[in-house]
């Protein structure tokens, strides 16, 4: 009876030891799993830190490039401002030069020049500006006699846009302001005058029935007029 009881105790102790061992193994496995997860988290954190460091490095390089770009842009702005200043000075000089040319060459010589082509102009009026209601236009130089008038566009350089602006804008508006321009019951002609005249502009002007007047500096004959094949007479449409 005592022997059976001892065996039972030993058996129970063995079971208890087995259970304890299993429990310890389970806890060990759980700790190992937790350790593995912590290691993975640590690896991810390390990778994230490395990525952040690399991003900071790229951002620093980008900031450096941006600073250099801003510096170059500032230098470009400075050069552009200097160029604009020189261009403004050049345009001012050209404007003053054109004014002198109009005063010294065109005004004294334009009527005799055009009268060689069958006209009889006796009066020159520079820079006529008229504004009435919503219509506003300007003619650089007007020639008059009792029956005729001529509207002349003057530029240092004449291009196609200048010709079209004169014919499609200024002269058309002038025809709507005949009383103000003093051209009622007159035959109206047109012309462009310039120091440099683009070949295409010359052709377009002649095709549209305009005189083309060359202003030639330092020449014995400073003005030369080319008459179109078909001289256009401008009328209000």
C-alpha atoms as a PDB file:
ATOM      1  CA  UNK A   1       0.000   0.000   0.000  1.00  0.00           C
ATOM      2  CA  UNK A   2       2.845   2.371   0.895  1.00  0.00           C
ATOM      3  CA  UNK A   3       4.703   1.328  -2.260  1.00  0.00           C
ATOM      4  CA  UNK A   4       1.702   2.200  -4.426  1.00  0.00           C
ATOM      5  CA  UNK A   5       1.396   5.576  -2.794  1.00  0.00           C
ATOM      6  CA  UNK A   6       5.095   6.307  -3.363  1.00  0.00           C
ATOM      7  CA  UNK A   7       4.738   5.406  -7.026  1.00  0.00           C
ATOM      8  CA  UNK A   8       1.798   7.768  -7.311  1.00  0.00           C
ATOM      9  CA  UNK A   9       3.825  10.550  -5.743  1.00  0.00           C
ATOM     10  CA  UNK A  10       6.728   9.928  -8.106  1.00  0.00           C
ATOM     11  CA  UNK A  11       4.382   9.844 -11.063  1.00  0.00           C
ATOM     12  CA  UNK A  12       2.748  13.077 -10.037  1.00  0.00           C
ATOM     13  CA  UNK A  13       6.119  14.692  -9.480  1.00  0.00           C
ATOM     14  CA  UNK A  14       7.205  13.561 -12.939  1.00  0.00           C
ATOM     15  CA  UNK A  15       4.079  15.045 -14.461  1.00  0.00           C
ATOM     16  CA  UNK A  16       4.623  18.277 -12.556  1.00  0.00           C
ATOM     17  CA  UNK A  17       8.220  18.454 -13.726  1.00  0.00           C
ATOM     18  CA  UNK A  18       7.103  17.757 -17.309  1.00  0.00           C
ATOM     19  CA  UNK A  19       4.445  20.468 -17.119  1.00  0.00           C
ATOM     20  CA  UNK A  20       6.956  22.898 -15.651  1.00  0.00           C
ATOM     21  CA  UNK A  21       9.441  22.083 -18.371  1.00  0.00           C
ATOM     22  CA  UNK A  22       6.775  22.548 -21.041  1.00  0.00           C
ATOM     23  CA  UNK A  23       5.735  25.846 -19.482  1.00  0.00           C
ATOM     24  CA  UNK A  24       9.317  27.045 -19.357  1.00  0.00           C
ATOM     25  CA  UNK A  25       9.837  25.982 -22.992  1.00  0.00           C
ATOM     26  CA  UNK A  26       6.684  27.847 -24.004  1.00  0.00           C
ATOM     27  CA  UNK A  27       7.846  30.947 -22.151  1.00  0.00           C
ATOM     28  CA  UNK A  28      11.262  30.581 -23.779  1.00  0.00           C
ATOM     29  CA  UNK A  29       9.643  30.309 -27.198  1.00  0.00           C
ATOM     30  CA  UNK A  30       7.539  33.405 -26.476  1.00  0.00           C
ATOM     31  CA  UNK A  31      10.605  35.315 -25.344  1.00  0.00           C
ATOM     32  CA  UNK A  32      12.470  34.197 -28.465  1.00  0.00           C
ATOM     33  CA  UNK A  33       9.546  35.330 -30.648  1.00  0.00           C
ATOM     34  CA  UNK A  34       9.415  38.688 -28.820  1.00  0.00           C
ATOM     35  CA  UNK A  35      13.167  39.027 -29.233  1.00  0.00           C
ATOM     36  CA  UNK A  36      12.859  38.316 -32.958  1.00  0.00           C
ATOM     37  CA  UNK A  37      10.097  40.923 -33.306  1.00  0.00           C
ATOM     38  CA  UNK A  38      12.195  43.440 -31.407  1.00  0.00           C
ATOM     39  CA  UNK A  39      15.139  42.648 -33.664  1.00  0.00           C
ATOM     40  CA  UNK A  40      12.955  43.145 -36.782  1.00  0.00           C
ATOM     41  CA  UNK A  41      11.628  46.428 -35.370  1.00  0.00           C
ATOM     42  CA  UNK A  42      15.177  47.504 -34.590  1.00  0.00           C
ATOM     43  CA  UNK A  43      16.253  46.617 -38.137  1.00  0.00           C
ATOM     44  CA  UNK A  44      13.331  48.570 -39.601  1.00  0.00           C
ATOM     45  CA  UNK A  45      14.125  51.521 -37.338  1.00  0.00           C
ATOM     46  CA  UNK A  46      17.760  51.392 -38.375  1.00  0.00           C
ATOM     47  CA  UNK A  47      16.754  51.271 -42.039  1.00  0.00           C
ATOM     48  CA  UNK A  48      14.367  54.180 -41.488  1.00  0.00           C
ATOM     49  CA  UNK A  49      17.106  56.194 -39.803  1.00  0.00           C
ATOM     50  CA  UNK A  50      19.486  55.449 -42.656  1.00  0.00           C
ATOM     51  CA  UNK A  51      16.800  56.482 -45.168  1.00  0.00           C
ATOM     52  CA  UNK A  52      16.152  59.666 -43.214  1.00  0.00           C
ATOM     53  CA  UNK A  53      19.863  60.401 -43.117  1.00  0.00           C
ATOM     54  CA  UNK A  54      20.081  59.876 -46.871  1.00  0.00           C
ATOM     55  CA  UNK A  55      17.023  62.104 -47.365  1.00  0.00           C
ATOM     56  CA  UNK A  56      18.607  64.791 -45.195  1.00  0.00           C
ATOM     57  CA  UNK A  57      21.756  64.502 -47.295  1.00  0.00           C
ATOM     58  CA  UNK A  58      19.795  64.854 -50.549  1.00  0.00           C
ATOM     59  CA  UNK A  59      17.828  67.763 -49.081  1.00  0.00           C
ATOM     60  CA  UNK A  60      21.071  69.468 -48.105  1.00  0.00           C
ATOM     61  CA  UNK A  61      22.402  68.970 -51.627  1.00  0.00           C
ATOM     62  CA  UNK A  62      19.118  70.281 -53.077  1.00  0.00           C
ATOM     63  CA  UNK A  63      19.323  73.343 -50.823  1.00  0.00           C
ATOM     64  CA  UNK A  64      22.868  73.904 -52.010  1.00  0.00           C
ATOM     65  CA  UNK A  65      21.819  73.623 -55.676  1.00  0.00           C
ATOM     66  CA  UNK A  66      18.851  75.920 -55.020  1.00  0.00           C
ATOM     67  CA  UNK A  67      21.142  78.478 -53.421  1.00  0.00           C
ATOM     68  CA  UNK A  68      23.457  78.289 -56.416  1.00  0.00           C
ATOM     69  CA  UNK A  69      20.474  78.601 -58.799  1.00  0.00           C
ATOM     70  CA  UNK A  70      19.187  81.638 -56.900  1.00  0.00           C
ATOM     71  CA  UNK A  71      22.636  83.151 -57.116  1.00  0.00           C
ATOM     72  CA  UNK A  72      22.764  82.592 -60.887  1.00  0.00           C
ATOM     73  CA  UNK A  73      19.211  83.929 -61.222  1.00  0.00           C
ATOM     74  CA  UNK A  74      20.180  87.045 -59.294  1.00  0.00           C
ATOM     75  CA  UNK A  75      23.175  87.513 -61.567  1.00  0.00           C
ATOM     76  CA  UNK A  76      20.936  86.971 -64.637  1.00  0.00           C
ATOM     77  CA  UNK A  77      18.421  89.514 -63.314  1.00  0.00           C
ATOM     78  CA  UNK A  78      21.244  91.986 -62.834  1.00  0.00           C
ATOM     79  CA  UNK A  79      22.499  91.423 -66.386  1.00  0.00           C
ATOM     80  CA  UNK A  80      18.942  91.714 -67.740  1.00  0.00           C
ATOM     81  CA  UNK A  81      18.435  94.975 -65.869  1.00  0.00           C
ATOM     82  CA  UNK A  82      21.698  96.300 -67.314  1.00  0.00           C
ATOM     83  CA  UNK A  83      20.627  95.185 -70.822  1.00  0.00           C
ATOM     84  CA  UNK A  84      17.226  96.849 -70.401  1.00  0.00           C
ATOM     85  CA  UNK A  85      18.945 100.017 -69.261  1.00  0.00           C
ATOM     86  CA  UNK A  86      21.214 100.024 -72.317  1.00  0.00           C
ATOM     87  CA  UNK A  87      18.237  99.252 -74.581  1.00  0.00           C
ATOM     88  CA  UNK A  88      16.257 102.108 -73.046  1.00  0.00           C
ATOM     89  CA  UNK A  89      19.191 104.450 -73.602  1.00  0.00           C
ATOM     90  CA  UNK A  90      19.525 103.226 -77.191  1.00  0.00           C
ATOM     91  CA  UNK A  91      15.791 103.673 -77.835  1.00  0.00           C
ATOM     92  CA  UNK A  92      15.982 107.146 -76.330  1.00  0.00           C
ATOM     93  CA  UNK A  93      18.880 107.986 -78.595  1.00  0.00           C
ATOM     94  CA  UNK A  94      17.012 106.577 -81.592  1.00  0.00           C
ATOM     95  CA  UNK A  95      13.909 108.554 -80.679  1.00  0.00           C
ATOM     96  CA  UNK A  96      15.947 111.735 -80.392  1.00  0.00           C
ATOM     97  CA  UNK A  97      17.744 110.952 -83.624  1.00  0.00           C
ATOM     98  CA  UNK A  98      14.446 110.358 -85.416  1.00  0.00           C
ATOM     99  CA  UNK A  99      13.122 113.661 -84.153  1.00  0.00           C
ATOM    100  CA  UNK A 100      16.190 115.437 -85.509  1.00  0.00           C
ATOM    101  CA  UNK A 101      15.852 113.656 -88.856  1.00  0.00           C
ATOM    102  CA  UNK A 102      12.192 114.637 -89.163  1.00  0.00           C
ATOM    103  CA  UNK A 103      12.973 118.229 -88.303  1.00  0.00           C
ATOM    104  CA  UNK A 104      16.100 118.641 -90.452  1.00  0.00           C
ATOM    105  CA  UNK A 105      15.446 116.337 -93.420  1.00  0.00           C
ATOM    106  CA  UNK A 106      11.824 115.339 -93.822  1.00  0.00           C
ATOM    107  CA  UNK A 107       9.985 118.563 -93.053  1.00  0.00           C
ATOM    108  CA  UNK A 108      12.116 120.762 -95.358  1.00  0.00           C
ATOM    109  CA  UNK A 109      12.418 118.200 -98.153  1.00  0.00           C
ATOM    110  CA  UNK A 110       9.251 116.082 -98.215  1.00  0.00           C
ATOM    111  CA  UNK A 111       6.979 118.426-100.205  1.00  0.00           C
ATOM    112  CA  UNK A 112       9.487 119.034-103.034  1.00  0.00           C
ATOM    113  CA  UNK A 113      10.205 115.287-103.113  1.00  0.00           C
ATOM    114  CA  UNK A 114       6.561 114.236-103.411  1.00  0.00           C
ATOM    115  CA  UNK A 115       5.724 117.042-105.826  1.00  0.00           C
ATOM    116  CA  UNK A 116       8.184 115.465-108.270  1.00  0.00           C
ATOM    117  CA  UNK A 117       5.688 112.604-108.470  1.00  0.00           C
ATOM    118  CA  UNK A 118       2.829 114.792-109.685  1.00  0.00           C
ATOM    119  CA  UNK A 119       1.510 116.260-106.432  1.00  0.00           C
ATOM    120  CA  UNK A 120       1.375 119.861-105.293  1.00  0.00           C
ATOM    121  CA  UNK A 121       1.749 119.725-101.507  1.00  0.00           C
ATOM    122  CA  UNK A 122       2.334 123.051 -99.782  1.00  0.00           C
ATOM    123  CA  UNK A 123       1.896 122.315 -96.055  1.00  0.00           C
ATOM    124  CA  UNK A 124       3.545 119.879 -93.649  1.00  0.00           C
ATOM    125  CA  UNK A 125       2.065 118.975 -90.239  1.00  0.00           C
ATOM    126  CA  UNK A 126       4.084 116.595 -88.004  1.00  0.00           C
ATOM    127  CA  UNK A 127       2.730 114.362 -85.246  1.00  0.00           C
ATOM    128  CA  UNK A 128      -1.019 114.952 -85.519  1.00  0.00           C
ATOM    129  CA  UNK A 129      -2.979 113.286 -82.708  1.00  0.00           C
ATOM    130  CA  UNK A 130      -6.773 113.181 -82.670  1.00  0.00           C
ATOM    131  CA  UNK A 131      -9.137 111.716 -80.092  1.00  0.00           C
ATOM    132  CA  UNK A 132     -12.900 111.786 -80.520  1.00  0.00           C
ATOM    133  CA  UNK A 133     -15.369 109.677 -78.589  1.00  0.00           C
ATOM    134  CA  UNK A 134     -13.730 106.226 -78.501  1.00  0.00           C
ATOM    135  CA  UNK A 135     -11.572 106.748 -81.587  1.00  0.00           C
ATOM    136  CA  UNK A 136      -7.942 107.731 -81.121  1.00  0.00           C
ATOM    137  CA  UNK A 137      -5.193 107.777 -83.720  1.00  0.00           C
ATOM    138  CA  UNK A 138      -1.970 109.513 -84.643  1.00  0.00           C
ATOM    139  CA  UNK A 139      -0.272 110.321 -87.956  1.00  0.00           C
ATOM    140  CA  UNK A 140       3.469 111.000 -87.851  1.00  0.00           C
ATOM    141  CA  UNK A 141       3.466 113.422 -90.783  1.00  0.00           C
ATOM    142  CA  UNK A 142       0.630 114.896 -92.889  1.00  0.00           C
ATOM    143  CA  UNK A 143       1.044 116.707 -96.215  1.00  0.00           C
ATOM    144  CA  UNK A 144      -1.712 119.015 -97.524  1.00  0.00           C
ATOM    145  CA  UNK A 145      -2.827 121.123-100.427  1.00  0.00           C
ATOM    146  CA  UNK A 146      -6.292 122.289-101.367  1.00  0.00           C
ATOM    147  CA  UNK A 147      -7.297 118.969-102.962  1.00  0.00           C
ATOM    148  CA  UNK A 148      -4.910 116.323-101.586  1.00  0.00           C
ATOM    149  CA  UNK A 149      -3.519 114.953 -98.337  1.00  0.00           C
ATOM    150  CA  UNK A 150      -0.936 112.289 -97.563  1.00  0.00           C
ATOM    151  CA  UNK A 151      -0.507 110.323 -94.303  1.00  0.00           C
ATOM    152  CA  UNK A 152       3.079 109.217 -93.657  1.00  0.00           C
ATOM    153  CA  UNK A 153       4.277 106.648 -91.073  1.00  0.00           C
ATOM    154  CA  UNK A 154       7.883 107.300 -89.973  1.00  0.00           C
ATOM    155  CA  UNK A 155      10.205 104.809 -88.263  1.00  0.00           C
ATOM    156  CA  UNK A 156      13.953 104.356 -88.030  1.00  0.00           C
ATOM    157  CA  UNK A 157      13.328 100.782 -89.187  1.00  0.00           C
ATOM    158  CA  UNK A 158      10.250  99.857 -91.217  1.00  0.00           C
ATOM    159  CA  UNK A 159       9.014  96.260 -91.084  1.00  0.00           C
ATOM    160  CA  UNK A 160       5.864  94.542 -92.328  1.00  0.00           C
ATOM    161  CA  UNK A 161       4.038  95.104 -89.027  1.00  0.00           C
ATOM    162  CA  UNK A 162       4.626  98.855 -89.319  1.00  0.00           C
ATOM    163  CA  UNK A 163       3.140  98.881 -92.825  1.00  0.00           C
ATOM    164  CA  UNK A 164       0.066  96.904 -91.755  1.00  0.00           C
ATOM    165  CA  UNK A 165      -0.416  99.042 -88.642  1.00  0.00           C
ATOM    166  CA  UNK A 166      -0.345 102.175 -90.781  1.00  0.00           C
ATOM    167  CA  UNK A 167      -2.788 100.888 -93.391  1.00  0.00           C
ATOM    168  CA  UNK A 168      -5.146  98.811 -91.272  1.00  0.00           C
ATOM    169  CA  UNK A 169      -5.228 100.934 -88.142  1.00  0.00           C
ATOM    170  CA  UNK A 170      -4.047 104.517 -88.387  1.00  0.00           C
ATOM    171  CA  UNK A 171      -5.317 105.431 -91.856  1.00  0.00           C
ATOM    172  CA  UNK A 172      -8.652 103.673 -91.320  1.00  0.00           C
ATOM    173  CA  UNK A 173      -9.199 105.578 -88.078  1.00  0.00           C
ATOM    174  CA  UNK A 174      -8.094 108.797 -89.743  1.00  0.00           C
ATOM    175  CA  UNK A 175     -10.802 108.316 -92.376  1.00  0.00           C
ATOM    176  CA  UNK A 176     -13.365 108.195 -89.556  1.00  0.00           C
ATOM    177  CA  UNK A 177     -12.028 111.554 -88.327  1.00  0.00           C
ATOM    178  CA  UNK A 178     -11.838 113.426 -91.650  1.00  0.00           C
ATOM    179  CA  UNK A 179     -13.113 116.718 -90.256  1.00  0.00           C
ATOM    180  CA  UNK A 180     -10.641 116.647 -87.364  1.00  0.00           C
ATOM    181  CA  UNK A 181      -7.736 115.855 -89.718  1.00  0.00           C
ATOM    182  CA  UNK A 182      -8.876 118.460 -92.241  1.00  0.00           C
ATOM    183  CA  UNK A 183      -9.153 115.976 -95.103  1.00  0.00           C
ATOM    184  CA  UNK A 184     -12.805 116.326 -96.043  1.00  0.00           C
ATOM    185  CA  UNK A 185     -13.308 116.308 -99.824  1.00  0.00           C
ATOM    186  CA  UNK A 186      -9.590 115.614-100.371  1.00  0.00           C
ATOM    187  CA  UNK A 187      -7.856 112.808-102.243  1.00  0.00           C
ATOM    188  CA  UNK A 188      -5.992 110.760 -99.613  1.00  0.00           C
ATOM    189  CA  UNK A 189      -2.662 108.996-100.191  1.00  0.00           C
ATOM    190  CA  UNK A 190      -0.363 107.038 -97.874  1.00  0.00           C
ATOM    191  CA  UNK A 191       3.378 106.506 -97.422  1.00  0.00           C
ATOM    192  CA  UNK A 192       5.953 104.967 -95.104  1.00  0.00           C
ATOM    193  CA  UNK A 193       9.346 106.522 -94.437  1.00  0.00           C
ATOM    194  CA  UNK A 194      12.384 105.073 -92.712  1.00  0.00           C
ATOM    195  CA  UNK A 195      16.155 104.935 -92.487  1.00  0.00           C
ATOM    196  CA  UNK A 196      16.146 101.141 -92.846  1.00  0.00           C
ATOM    197  CA  UNK A 197      13.311  99.462 -94.758  1.00  0.00           C
ATOM    198  CA  UNK A 198      12.924  95.698 -94.730  1.00  0.00           C
ATOM    199  CA  UNK A 199      12.641  94.166 -98.235  1.00  0.00           C
ATOM    200  CA  UNK A 200       9.389  92.410 -97.363  1.00  0.00           C
ATOM    201  CA  UNK A 201       8.027  95.611 -95.845  1.00  0.00           C
ATOM    202  CA  UNK A 202       8.927  97.500 -99.020  1.00  0.00           C
ATOM    203  CA  UNK A 203       7.073  94.953-101.177  1.00  0.00           C
ATOM    204  CA  UNK A 204       3.993  94.926 -98.929  1.00  0.00           C
ATOM    205  CA  UNK A 205       3.890  98.731 -98.854  1.00  0.00           C
ATOM    206  CA  UNK A 206       4.157  99.028-102.631  1.00  0.00           C
ATOM    207  CA  UNK A 207       1.562  96.275-103.131  1.00  0.00           C
ATOM    208  CA  UNK A 208      -0.817  98.215-100.879  1.00  0.00           C
ATOM    209  CA  UNK A 209      -0.358 101.350-102.980  1.00  0.00           C
ATOM    210  CA  UNK A 210       1.887 103.285-100.573  1.00  0.00           C
ATOM    211  CA  UNK A 211       4.891 105.424-101.390  1.00  0.00           C
ATOM    212  CA  UNK A 212       8.121 104.120 -99.851  1.00  0.00           C
ATOM    213  CA  UNK A 213      10.405 106.949 -98.729  1.00  0.00           C
ATOM    214  CA  UNK A 214      14.036 106.243 -97.847  1.00  0.00           C
ATOM    215  CA  UNK A 215      15.834 108.581 -95.453  1.00  0.00           C
ATOM    216  CA  UNK A 216      19.508 108.469 -96.413  1.00  0.00           C
ATOM    217  CA  UNK A 217      21.914 110.060 -93.970  1.00  0.00           C
ATOM    218  CA  UNK A 218      25.133 111.641 -95.174  1.00  0.00           C
ATOM    219  CA  UNK A 219      23.909 111.612 -98.774  1.00  0.00           C
ATOM    220  CA  UNK A 220      23.755 114.543-101.174  1.00  0.00           C
ATOM    221  CA  UNK A 221      20.126 113.605-101.867  1.00  0.00           C
ATOM    222  CA  UNK A 222      18.895 112.584 -98.398  1.00  0.00           C
ATOM    223  CA  UNK A 223      15.371 111.566 -99.451  1.00  0.00           C
ATOM    224  CA  UNK A 224      14.276 109.087-102.100  1.00  0.00           C
ATOM    225  CA  UNK A 225      10.672 108.116-102.874  1.00  0.00           C
ATOM    226  CA  UNK A 226       9.555 104.965-104.672  1.00  0.00           C
ATOM    227  CA  UNK A 227       6.093 105.175-106.222  1.00  0.00           C
ATOM    228  CA  UNK A 228       3.880 102.071-106.376  1.00  0.00           C
ATOM    229  CA  UNK A 229       2.620 100.777-109.715  1.00  0.00           C
ATOM    230  CA  UNK A 230      -0.932 101.483-108.619  1.00  0.00           C
ATOM    231  CA  UNK A 231      -1.118 104.426-106.252  1.00  0.00           C
ATOM    232  CA  UNK A 232      -3.956 103.827-103.837  1.00  0.00           C
ATOM    233  CA  UNK A 233      -6.512 106.526-103.101  1.00  0.00           C
ATOM    234  CA  UNK A 234      -7.902 106.025 -99.612  1.00  0.00           C
ATOM    235  CA  UNK A 235     -11.610 106.446 -99.045  1.00  0.00           C
ATOM    236  CA  UNK A 236     -13.899 105.773 -96.128  1.00  0.00           C
ATOM    237  CA  UNK A 237     -15.654 102.415 -96.593  1.00  0.00           C
END
